[in-house]
């Protein structure tokens, strides 16, 4: 990590830049093998964004549908559809 800090900002077409790229690739491979982050649950991601933006379930109705449909999605009783995902994004 010290080497990466030292080489940070090196031009890609220099020896330092190539060394930095190799070190970053090695760190990425190590982290993927030993500390992989699983994909997030879609409902958890929605709840996180709601919390971050101060949104309520009612605020999701234009994107998901009725109040009942929003409740079904957030209670994991119904899956998100592709059109819902597109509107939410």
PDB file of N, CA and C in Angstrom:
ATOM      1  N   UNK A   1       0.836  -1.188   0.000  1.00  0.00           N
ATOM      2  CA  UNK A   1       0.000   0.000   0.000  1.00  0.00           C
ATOM      3  C   UNK A   1       0.885   1.257   0.000  1.00  0.00           C
ATOM      4  N   UNK A   2       2.028   1.166   0.676  1.00  0.00           N
ATOM      5  CA  UNK A   2       2.942   2.306   0.681  1.00  0.00           C
ATOM      6  C   UNK A   2       3.434   2.598  -0.733  1.00  0.00           C
ATOM      7  N   UNK A   3       3.727   1.537  -1.483  1.00  0.00           N
ATOM      8  CA  UNK A   3       4.175   1.725  -2.862  1.00  0.00           C
ATOM      9  C   UNK A   3       3.080   2.369  -3.711  1.00  0.00           C
ATOM     10  N   UNK A   4       1.852   1.940  -3.503  1.00  0.00           N
ATOM     11  CA  UNK A   4       0.735   2.526  -4.248  1.00  0.00           C
ATOM     12  C   UNK A   4       0.610   4.001  -3.902  1.00  0.00           C
ATOM     13  N   UNK A   5       0.677   4.322  -2.621  1.00  0.00           N
ATOM     14  CA  UNK A   5       0.620   5.733  -2.205  1.00  0.00           C
ATOM     15  C   UNK A   5       1.740   6.536  -2.854  1.00  0.00           C
ATOM     16  N   UNK A   6       2.930   5.949  -2.896  1.00  0.00           N
ATOM     17  CA  UNK A   6       4.088   6.650  -3.467  1.00  0.00           C
ATOM     18  C   UNK A   6       3.926   6.853  -4.981  1.00  0.00           C
ATOM     19  N   UNK A   7       3.358   5.856  -5.648  1.00  0.00           N
ATOM     20  CA  UNK A   7       3.240   5.907  -7.110  1.00  0.00           C
ATOM     21  C   UNK A   7       1.953   6.575  -7.595  1.00  0.00           C
ATOM     22  N   UNK A   8       1.047   6.872  -6.677  1.00  0.00           N
ATOM     23  CA  UNK A   8      -0.257   7.425  -7.055  1.00  0.00           C
ATOM     24  C   UNK A   8      -0.080   8.682  -7.896  1.00  0.00           C
ATOM     25  N   UNK A   9      -0.775   8.750  -9.003  1.00  0.00           N
ATOM     26  CA  UNK A   9      -0.713   9.907  -9.878  1.00  0.00           C
ATOM     27  C   UNK A   9       0.328   9.783 -10.974  1.00  0.00           C
ATOM     28  N   UNK A  10       1.055   8.667 -11.021  1.00  0.00           N
ATOM     29  CA  UNK A  10       2.063   8.472 -12.068  1.00  0.00           C
ATOM     30  C   UNK A  10       1.387   8.374 -13.430  1.00  0.00           C
ATOM     31  N   UNK A  11       2.043   8.894 -14.438  1.00  0.00           N
ATOM     32  CA  UNK A  11       1.521   8.822 -15.813  1.00  0.00           C
ATOM     33  C   UNK A  11       1.491   7.370 -16.272  1.00  0.00           C
ATOM     34  N   UNK A  12       0.433   6.975 -16.970  1.00  0.00           N
ATOM     35  CA  UNK A  12       0.289   5.569 -17.381  1.00  0.00           C
ATOM     36  C   UNK A  12       1.393   5.088 -18.321  1.00  0.00           C
ATOM     37  N   UNK A  13       2.000   5.986 -19.071  1.00  0.00           N
ATOM     38  CA  UNK A  13       2.995   5.568 -20.057  1.00  0.00           C
ATOM     39  C   UNK A  13       4.422   5.585 -19.514  1.00  0.00           C
ATOM     40  N   UNK A  14       4.579   5.551 -18.200  1.00  0.00           N
ATOM     41  CA  UNK A  14       5.899   5.525 -17.577  1.00  0.00           C
ATOM     42  C   UNK A  14       6.076   4.206 -16.822  1.00  0.00           C
ATOM     43  N   UNK A  15       7.308   3.925 -16.445  1.00  0.00           N
ATOM     44  CA  UNK A  15       7.585   2.711 -15.668  1.00  0.00           C
ATOM     45  C   UNK A  15       6.829   2.744 -14.343  1.00  0.00           C
ATOM     46  N   UNK A  16       6.756   3.921 -13.722  1.00  0.00           N
ATOM     47  CA  UNK A  16       6.026   4.053 -12.462  1.00  0.00           C
ATOM     48  C   UNK A  16       4.538   3.787 -12.658  1.00  0.00           C
ATOM     49  N   UNK A  17       4.001   4.278 -13.769  1.00  0.00           N
ATOM     50  CA  UNK A  17       2.585   4.051 -14.067  1.00  0.00           C
ATOM     51  C   UNK A  17       2.271   2.587 -14.281  1.00  0.00           C
ATOM     52  N   UNK A  18       3.165   1.888 -14.970  1.00  0.00           N
ATOM     53  CA  UNK A  18       2.983   0.455 -15.205  1.00  0.00           C
ATOM     54  C   UNK A  18       3.055  -0.296 -13.878  1.00  0.00           C
ATOM     55  N   UNK A  19       4.036   0.061 -13.045  1.00  0.00           N
ATOM     56  CA  UNK A  19       4.170  -0.579 -11.726  1.00  0.00           C
ATOM     57  C   UNK A  19       2.915  -0.333 -10.881  1.00  0.00           C
ATOM     58  N   UNK A  20       2.395   0.883 -10.909  1.00  0.00           N
ATOM     59  CA  UNK A  20       1.172   1.210 -10.176  1.00  0.00           C
ATOM     60  C   UNK A  20       0.015   0.352 -10.661  1.00  0.00           C
ATOM     61  N   UNK A  21      -0.130   0.218 -11.944  1.00  0.00           N
ATOM     62  CA  UNK A  21      -1.223  -0.587 -12.507  1.00  0.00           C
ATOM     63  C   UNK A  21      -1.119  -2.042 -12.068  1.00  0.00           C
ATOM     64  N   UNK A  22       0.090  -2.586 -12.054  1.00  0.00           N
ATOM     65  CA  UNK A  22       0.301  -3.972 -11.619  1.00  0.00           C
ATOM     66  C   UNK A  22      -0.064  -4.122 -10.143  1.00  0.00           C
ATOM     67  N   UNK A  23       0.404  -3.194  -9.316  1.00  0.00           N
ATOM     68  CA  UNK A  23       0.092  -3.265  -7.886  1.00  0.00           C
ATOM     69  C   UNK A  23      -1.408  -3.155  -7.634  1.00  0.00           C
ATOM     70  N   UNK A  24      -2.084  -2.270  -8.354  1.00  0.00           N
ATOM     71  CA  UNK A  24      -3.528  -2.116  -8.186  1.00  0.00           C
ATOM     72  C   UNK A  24      -4.266  -3.384  -8.605  1.00  0.00           C
ATOM     73  N   UNK A  25      -3.788  -4.029  -9.663  1.00  0.00           N
ATOM     74  CA  UNK A  25      -4.394  -5.280 -10.117  1.00  0.00           C
ATOM     75  C   UNK A  25      -4.218  -6.377  -9.074  1.00  0.00           C
ATOM     76  N   UNK A  26      -3.036  -6.440  -8.466  1.00  0.00           N
ATOM     77  CA  UNK A  26      -2.782  -7.434  -7.426  1.00  0.00           C
ATOM     78  C   UNK A  26      -3.653  -7.195  -6.191  1.00  0.00           C
ATOM     79  N   UNK A  27      -3.773  -5.952  -5.771  1.00  0.00           N
ATOM     80  CA  UNK A  27      -4.610  -5.628  -4.621  1.00  0.00           C
ATOM     81  C   UNK A  27      -6.069  -5.967  -4.912  1.00  0.00           C
ATOM     82  N   UNK A  28      -6.526  -5.641  -6.103  1.00  0.00           N
ATOM     83  CA  UNK A  28      -7.910  -5.943  -6.487  1.00  0.00           C
ATOM     84  C   UNK A  28      -8.162  -7.452  -6.455  1.00  0.00           C
ATOM     85  N   UNK A  29      -7.236  -8.239  -6.994  1.00  0.00           N
ATOM     86  CA  UNK A  29      -7.391  -9.697  -7.002  1.00  0.00           C
ATOM     87  C   UNK A  29      -7.397 -10.243  -5.577  1.00  0.00           C
ATOM     88  N   UNK A  30      -6.526  -9.721  -4.715  1.00  0.00           N
ATOM     89  CA  UNK A  30      -6.481 -10.165  -3.320  1.00  0.00           C
ATOM     90  C   UNK A  30      -7.797  -9.862  -2.619  1.00  0.00           C
ATOM     91  N   UNK A  31      -8.282  -8.632  -2.782  1.00  0.00           N
ATOM     92  CA  UNK A  31      -9.527  -8.252  -2.118  1.00  0.00           C
ATOM     93  C   UNK A  31     -10.704  -9.078  -2.623  1.00  0.00           C
ATOM     94  N   UNK A  32     -10.721  -9.357  -3.907  1.00  0.00           N
ATOM     95  CA  UNK A  32     -11.812 -10.158  -4.475  1.00  0.00           C
ATOM     96  C   UNK A  32     -11.778 -11.581  -3.907  1.00  0.00           C
ATOM     97  N   UNK A  33     -10.583 -12.130  -3.713  1.00  0.00           N
ATOM     98  CA  UNK A  33     -10.450 -13.494  -3.213  1.00  0.00           C
ATOM     99  C   UNK A  33     -10.701 -13.599  -1.713  1.00  0.00           C
ATOM    100  N   UNK A  34     -10.299 -12.590  -0.951  1.00  0.00           N
ATOM    101  CA  UNK A  34     -10.343 -12.692   0.503  1.00  0.00           C
ATOM    102  C   UNK A  34     -11.415 -11.839   1.180  1.00  0.00           C
ATOM    103  N   UNK A  35     -11.876 -10.833   0.505  1.00  0.00           N
ATOM    104  CA  UNK A  35     -12.848  -9.918   1.109  1.00  0.00           C
ATOM    105  C   UNK A  35     -13.926  -9.519   0.100  1.00  0.00           C
ATOM    106  N   UNK A  36     -14.434 -10.498  -0.623  1.00  0.00           N
ATOM    107  CA  UNK A  36     -15.430 -10.212  -1.659  1.00  0.00           C
ATOM    108  C   UNK A  36     -16.690  -9.618  -1.034  1.00  0.00           C
ATOM    109  N   UNK A  37     -17.244  -8.643  -1.696  1.00  0.00           N
ATOM    110  CA  UNK A  37     -18.478  -8.005  -1.244  1.00  0.00           C
ATOM    111  C   UNK A  37     -19.621  -8.591  -2.068  1.00  0.00           C
ATOM    112  N   UNK A  38     -20.558  -9.277  -1.408  1.00  0.00           N
ATOM    113  CA  UNK A  38     -21.660  -9.869  -2.161  1.00  0.00           C
ATOM    114  C   UNK A  38     -22.573  -8.785  -2.725  1.00  0.00           C
ATOM    115  N   UNK A  39     -23.277  -9.099  -3.808  1.00  0.00           N
ATOM    116  CA  UNK A  39     -24.208  -8.107  -4.360  1.00  0.00           C
ATOM    117  C   UNK A  39     -25.285  -7.761  -3.336  1.00  0.00           C
ATOM    118  N   UNK A  40     -25.720  -6.522  -3.372  1.00  0.00           N
ATOM    119  CA  UNK A  40     -26.721  -6.098  -2.396  1.00  0.00           C
ATOM    120  C   UNK A  40     -28.110  -6.597  -2.795  1.00  0.00           C
ATOM    121  N   UNK A  41     -28.925  -6.776  -1.793  1.00  0.00           N
ATOM    122  CA  UNK A  41     -30.312  -7.148  -1.986  1.00  0.00           C
ATOM    123  C   UNK A  41     -31.047  -5.922  -2.525  1.00  0.00           C
ATOM    124  N   UNK A  42     -31.845  -6.047  -3.587  1.00  0.00           N
ATOM    125  CA  UNK A  42     -32.516  -4.882  -4.157  1.00  0.00           C
ATOM    126  C   UNK A  42     -33.380  -4.119  -3.155  1.00  0.00           C
ATOM    127  N   UNK A  43     -34.101  -4.830  -2.306  1.00  0.00           N
ATOM    128  CA  UNK A  43     -34.958  -4.153  -1.328  1.00  0.00           C
ATOM    129  C   UNK A  43     -34.093  -3.399  -0.317  1.00  0.00           C
ATOM    130  N   UNK A  44     -32.994  -4.009   0.106  1.00  0.00           N
ATOM    131  CA  UNK A  44     -32.086  -3.317   1.024  1.00  0.00           C
ATOM    132  C   UNK A  44     -31.517  -2.061   0.380  1.00  0.00           C
ATOM    133  N   UNK A  45     -31.206  -2.140  -0.908  1.00  0.00           N
ATOM    134  CA  UNK A  45     -30.683  -0.966  -1.621  1.00  0.00           C
ATOM    135  C   UNK A  45     -31.741   0.136  -1.679  1.00  0.00           C
ATOM    136  N   UNK A  46     -32.983  -0.225  -1.927  1.00  0.00           N
ATOM    137  CA  UNK A  46     -34.070   0.761  -1.958  1.00  0.00           C
ATOM    138  C   UNK A  46     -34.244   1.391  -0.583  1.00  0.00           C
ATOM    139  N   UNK A  47     -34.245   0.563   0.456  1.00  0.00           N
ATOM    140  CA  UNK A  47     -34.404   1.088   1.814  1.00  0.00           C
ATOM    141  C   UNK A  47     -33.255   2.011   2.191  1.00  0.00           C
ATOM    142  N   UNK A  48     -32.041   1.676   1.766  1.00  0.00           N
ATOM    143  CA  UNK A  48     -30.887   2.528   2.046  1.00  0.00           C
ATOM    144  C   UNK A  48     -31.056   3.886   1.363  1.00  0.00           C
ATOM    145  N   UNK A  49     -31.452   3.872   0.094  1.00  0.00           N
ATOM    146  CA  UNK A  49     -31.644   5.135  -0.629  1.00  0.00           C
ATOM    147  C   UNK A  49     -32.786   5.949  -0.027  1.00  0.00           C
ATOM    148  N   UNK A  50     -33.836   5.272   0.413  1.00  0.00           N
ATOM    149  CA  UNK A  50     -34.944   5.980   1.062  1.00  0.00           C
ATOM    150  C   UNK A  50     -34.436   6.687   2.317  1.00  0.00           C
ATOM    151  N   UNK A  51     -33.638   5.986   3.098  1.00  0.00           N
ATOM    152  CA  UNK A  51     -33.097   6.578   4.328  1.00  0.00           C
ATOM    153  C   UNK A  51     -32.167   7.752   4.010  1.00  0.00           C
ATOM    154  N   UNK A  52     -31.311   7.573   3.018  1.00  0.00           N
ATOM    155  CA  UNK A  52     -30.350   8.615   2.661  1.00  0.00           C
ATOM    156  C   UNK A  52     -31.038   9.876   2.137  1.00  0.00           C
ATOM    157  N   UNK A  53     -32.130   9.694   1.427  1.00  0.00           N
ATOM    158  CA  UNK A  53     -32.827  10.834   0.808  1.00  0.00           C
ATOM    159  C   UNK A  53     -34.043  11.299   1.597  1.00  0.00           C
ATOM    160  N   UNK A  54     -34.315  10.659   2.719  1.00  0.00           N
ATOM    161  CA  UNK A  54     -35.448  11.047   3.546  1.00  0.00           C
ATOM    162  C   UNK A  54     -36.788  10.777   2.877  1.00  0.00           C
ATOM    163  N   UNK A  55     -36.880   9.670   2.164  1.00  0.00           N
ATOM    164  CA  UNK A  55     -38.109   9.322   1.445  1.00  0.00           C
ATOM    165  C   UNK A  55     -38.974   8.378   2.267  1.00  0.00           C
ATOM    166  N   UNK A  56     -40.264   8.430   2.015  1.00  0.00           N
ATOM    167  CA  UNK A  56     -41.205   7.519   2.655  1.00  0.00           C
ATOM    168  C   UNK A  56     -41.696   6.511   1.611  1.00  0.00           C
ATOM    169  N   UNK A  57     -42.461   5.542   2.068  1.00  0.00           N
ATOM    170  CA  UNK A  57     -43.040   4.569   1.135  1.00  0.00           C
ATOM    171  C   UNK A  57     -43.944   5.264   0.120  1.00  0.00           C
ATOM    172  N   UNK A  58     -44.633   6.290   0.563  1.00  0.00           N
ATOM    173  CA  UNK A  58     -45.530   7.030  -0.335  1.00  0.00           C
ATOM    174  C   UNK A  58     -44.752   7.649  -1.504  1.00  0.00           C
ATOM    175  N   UNK A  59     -43.502   8.044  -1.246  1.00  0.00           N
ATOM    176  CA  UNK A  59     -42.679   8.635  -2.299  1.00  0.00           C
ATOM    177  C   UNK A  59     -42.328   7.637  -3.399  1.00  0.00           C
ATOM    178  N   UNK A  60     -42.449   6.352  -3.111  1.00  0.00           N
ATOM    179  CA  UNK A  60     -42.134   5.322  -4.109  1.00  0.00           C
ATOM    180  C   UNK A  60     -43.320   4.984  -5.012  1.00  0.00           C
ATOM    181  N   UNK A  61     -44.504   5.404  -4.627  1.00  0.00           N
ATOM    182  CA  UNK A  61     -45.705   5.040  -5.391  1.00  0.00           C
ATOM    183  C   UNK A  61     -45.646   5.426  -6.870  1.00  0.00           C
ATOM    184  N   UNK A  62     -45.133   6.602  -7.247  1.00  0.00           N
ATOM    185  CA  UNK A  62     -45.072   6.917  -8.681  1.00  0.00           C
ATOM    186  C   UNK A  62     -44.165   5.973  -9.473  1.00  0.00           C
ATOM    187  N   UNK A  63     -43.225   5.332  -8.781  1.00  0.00           N
ATOM    188  CA  UNK A  63     -42.259   4.482  -9.470  1.00  0.00           C
ATOM    189  C   UNK A  63     -42.643   3.004  -9.436  1.00  0.00           C
ATOM    190  N   UNK A  64     -43.340   2.601  -8.374  1.00  0.00           N
ATOM    191  CA  UNK A  64     -43.651   1.180  -8.195  1.00  0.00           C
ATOM    192  C   UNK A  64     -45.117   0.891  -8.431  1.00  0.00           C
ATOM    193  N   UNK A  65     -45.994   1.768  -7.992  1.00  0.00           N
ATOM    194  CA  UNK A  65     -47.430   1.542  -8.153  1.00  0.00           C
ATOM    195  C   UNK A  65     -48.170   1.918  -6.887  1.00  0.00           C
ATOM    196  N   UNK A  66     -49.252   1.231  -6.631  1.00  0.00           N
ATOM    197  CA  UNK A  66     -50.114   1.550  -5.493  1.00  0.00           C
ATOM    198  C   UNK A  66     -49.390   1.364  -4.163  1.00  0.00           C
ATOM    199  N   UNK A  67     -50.028   1.863  -3.110  1.00  0.00           N
ATOM    200  CA  UNK A  67     -49.478   1.714  -1.762  1.00  0.00           C
ATOM    201  C   UNK A  67     -49.316   0.225  -1.421  1.00  0.00           C
ATOM    202  N   UNK A  68     -50.292  -0.573  -1.828  1.00  0.00           N
ATOM    203  CA  UNK A  68     -50.228  -2.013  -1.578  1.00  0.00           C
ATOM    204  C   UNK A  68     -49.062  -2.657  -2.323  1.00  0.00           C
ATOM    205  N   UNK A  69     -48.832  -2.226  -3.554  1.00  0.00           N
ATOM    206  CA  UNK A  69     -47.724  -2.781  -4.348  1.00  0.00           C
ATOM    207  C   UNK A  69     -46.384  -2.416  -3.723  1.00  0.00           C
ATOM    208  N   UNK A  70     -46.251  -1.186  -3.254  1.00  0.00           N
ATOM    209  CA  UNK A  70     -45.014  -0.761  -2.584  1.00  0.00           C
ATOM    210  C   UNK A  70     -44.782  -1.624  -1.350  1.00  0.00           C
ATOM    211  N   UNK A  71     -45.840  -1.861  -0.572  1.00  0.00           N
ATOM    212  CA  UNK A  71     -45.717  -2.688   0.630  1.00  0.00           C
ATOM    213  C   UNK A  71     -45.293  -4.115   0.270  1.00  0.00           C
ATOM    214  N   UNK A  72     -45.870  -4.671  -0.790  1.00  0.00           N
ATOM    215  CA  UNK A  72     -45.502  -6.023  -1.211  1.00  0.00           C
ATOM    216  C   UNK A  72     -44.021  -6.103  -1.587  1.00  0.00           C
ATOM    217  N   UNK A  73     -43.548  -5.094  -2.301  1.00  0.00           N
ATOM    218  CA  UNK A  73     -42.136  -5.067  -2.722  1.00  0.00           C
ATOM    219  C   UNK A  73     -41.232  -4.954  -1.502  1.00  0.00           C
ATOM    220  N   UNK A  74     -41.505  -3.979  -0.629  1.00  0.00           N
ATOM    221  CA  UNK A  74     -40.631  -3.747   0.519  1.00  0.00           C
ATOM    222  C   UNK A  74     -40.717  -4.857   1.558  1.00  0.00           C
ATOM    223  N   UNK A  75     -41.827  -5.609   1.580  1.00  0.00           N
ATOM    224  CA  UNK A  75     -41.955  -6.749   2.484  1.00  0.00           C
ATOM    225  C   UNK A  75     -41.491  -8.049   1.829  1.00  0.00           C
ATOM    226  N   UNK A  76     -40.944  -7.924   0.621  1.00  0.00           N
ATOM    227  CA  UNK A  76     -40.382  -9.057  -0.134  1.00  0.00           C
ATOM    228  C   UNK A  76     -41.422 -10.131  -0.476  1.00  0.00           C
ATOM    229  N   UNK A  77     -42.657  -9.707  -0.681  1.00  0.00           N
ATOM    230  CA  UNK A  77     -43.711 -10.638  -1.070  1.00  0.00           C
ATOM    231  C   UNK A  77     -43.899 -10.651  -2.585  1.00  0.00           C
ATOM    232  N   UNK A  78     -43.361  -9.644  -3.253  1.00  0.00           N
ATOM    233  CA  UNK A  78     -43.449  -9.532  -4.709  1.00  0.00           C
ATOM    234  C   UNK A  78     -42.100  -9.029  -5.207  1.00  0.00           C
ATOM    235  N   UNK A  79     -41.682  -9.524  -6.348  1.00  0.00           N
ATOM    236  CA  UNK A  79     -40.402  -9.107  -6.931  1.00  0.00           C
ATOM    237  C   UNK A  79     -40.571  -7.819  -7.729  1.00  0.00           C
ATOM    238  N   UNK A  80     -39.495  -7.069  -7.814  1.00  0.00           N
ATOM    239  CA  UNK A  80     -39.486  -5.887  -8.679  1.00  0.00           C
ATOM    240  C   UNK A  80     -39.552  -6.335 -10.127  1.00  0.00           C
ATOM    241  N   UNK A  81     -40.266  -5.583 -10.935  1.00  0.00           N
ATOM    242  CA  UNK A  81     -40.291  -5.858 -12.367  1.00  0.00           C
ATOM    243  C   UNK A  81     -39.268  -4.959 -13.050  1.00  0.00           C
ATOM    244  N   UNK A  82     -38.912  -5.275 -14.264  1.00  0.00           N
ATOM    245  CA  UNK A  82     -37.952  -4.469 -15.011  1.00  0.00           C
ATOM    246  C   UNK A  82     -38.434  -3.026 -15.176  1.00  0.00           C
ATOM    247  N   UNK A  83     -39.718  -2.781 -15.515  1.00  0.00           N
ATOM    248  CA  UNK A  83     -40.175  -1.395 -15.610  1.00  0.00           C
ATOM    249  C   UNK A  83     -40.060  -0.644 -14.274  1.00  0.00           C
ATOM    250  N   UNK A  84     -40.328  -1.333 -13.151  1.00  0.00           N
ATOM    251  CA  UNK A  84     -40.170  -0.691 -11.835  1.00  0.00           C
ATOM    252  C   UNK A  84     -38.721  -0.291 -11.603  1.00  0.00           C
ATOM    253  N   UNK A  85     -37.832  -1.210 -11.909  1.00  0.00           N
ATOM    254  CA  UNK A  85     -36.394  -0.947 -11.727  1.00  0.00           C
ATOM    255  C   UNK A  85     -35.966   0.241 -12.565  1.00  0.00           C
ATOM    256  N   UNK A  86     -36.429   0.276 -13.797  1.00  0.00           N
ATOM    257  CA  UNK A  86     -36.062   1.405 -14.674  1.00  0.00           C
ATOM    258  C   UNK A  86     -36.580   2.725 -14.119  1.00  0.00           C
ATOM    259  N   UNK A  87     -37.814   2.738 -13.626  1.00  0.00           N
ATOM    260  CA  UNK A  87     -38.371   3.992 -13.074  1.00  0.00           C
ATOM    261  C   UNK A  87     -37.630   4.398 -11.797  1.00  0.00           C
ATOM    262  N   UNK A  88     -37.246   3.435 -10.984  1.00  0.00           N
ATOM    263  CA  UNK A  88     -36.537   3.745  -9.743  1.00  0.00           C
ATOM    264  C   UNK A  88     -35.140   4.294 -10.018  1.00  0.00           C
ATOM    265  N   UNK A  89     -34.521   3.792 -11.070  1.00  0.00           N
ATOM    266  CA  UNK A  89     -33.155   4.249 -11.330  1.00  0.00           C
ATOM    267  C   UNK A  89     -33.161   5.666 -11.860  1.00  0.00           C
TER     268      UNK A  89
END
